[in-house]
Amino acid sequence: MVKILLIEDEVAIQELIRFNLEKEGYKVLAAGDGQEGLNMARNEKPDLIVLDLMLPKLDGYEVCKALRADKATAKFPIIILSARNEIVDKVIGLELGADDYINKPFSPKELVARIKARLREQKRHDQNSTAQTVLTFAELEVWPDNYIVTLAGKPLNLTTKEFELLYLLITNPNRVFSREHLLQKVWDYGATGDTRTVDVHVSNLRHKLQHMGRTIETVRGVGYRFAAGN
């Protein structure tokens, strides 16, 4: 059974989410503070984590950062669910490695839909993980089977979504993707998504790729492409 870890201190919200997820057949684990949630993530190894930001003991940013810094938990999908709805809050959450960000008040149906989308993406990755193909472009090497990217032989610390974004672009050289299309292909949702999510991930990815970041070009008014001619 798929396990969802909910790190949320408000009991009413816990119960609302639990009801909707259990109705879909998921097993729900709940933690009421950041430290408890971090411990449960390490011990229970959930398939996905729903994380509030304003938590006792450790806030959600600290939890997200700790999860991504630990090899045992680094690949767990994380969806932040928070009443902090300023763009800076979303940017920080995504920069720390969250895969998605939903504002409170929220629609339980939308939350369930985004959880399903992320789990589908994870399943597709797992099904393709036996492939041993290595993609090479100049100094970049991309290993799809284990989500590793190296630059001049040195591994880069990409989040899951940064890797998936790079993989989509590099396997479609010179093709222009709109932000909406990238949301659909990488995040597996479209109309309900915020295209700024794409912009934040592209910015982070360019920074981590260092001088090779220039290969991801902005096509003004449209979206992005991987410029194979650079």
Foldseek 3Di string as FASTA:
>chain_A
DAEEEEAAQDVVVVVVLCVLVVVVVYHYHYHNFLVVSLVCCLVVVGQAYEAEADGPPHGRLRSLLVQCVDPSRNQRAYEYEYQPPDVVVVLSSVLSAHPYYHHPPDDSVVVVVLVVLVSVVVVVLQVPLVDQDWDDAPQWIAGSNPLWIDGVRHTFSAHPLLSQLVVVQVVVAPDFAFLQRSCCRRSVDHPPDDSVSVVSSLVSSLVRNPPLSPQWDADPPGGTHRHSVD
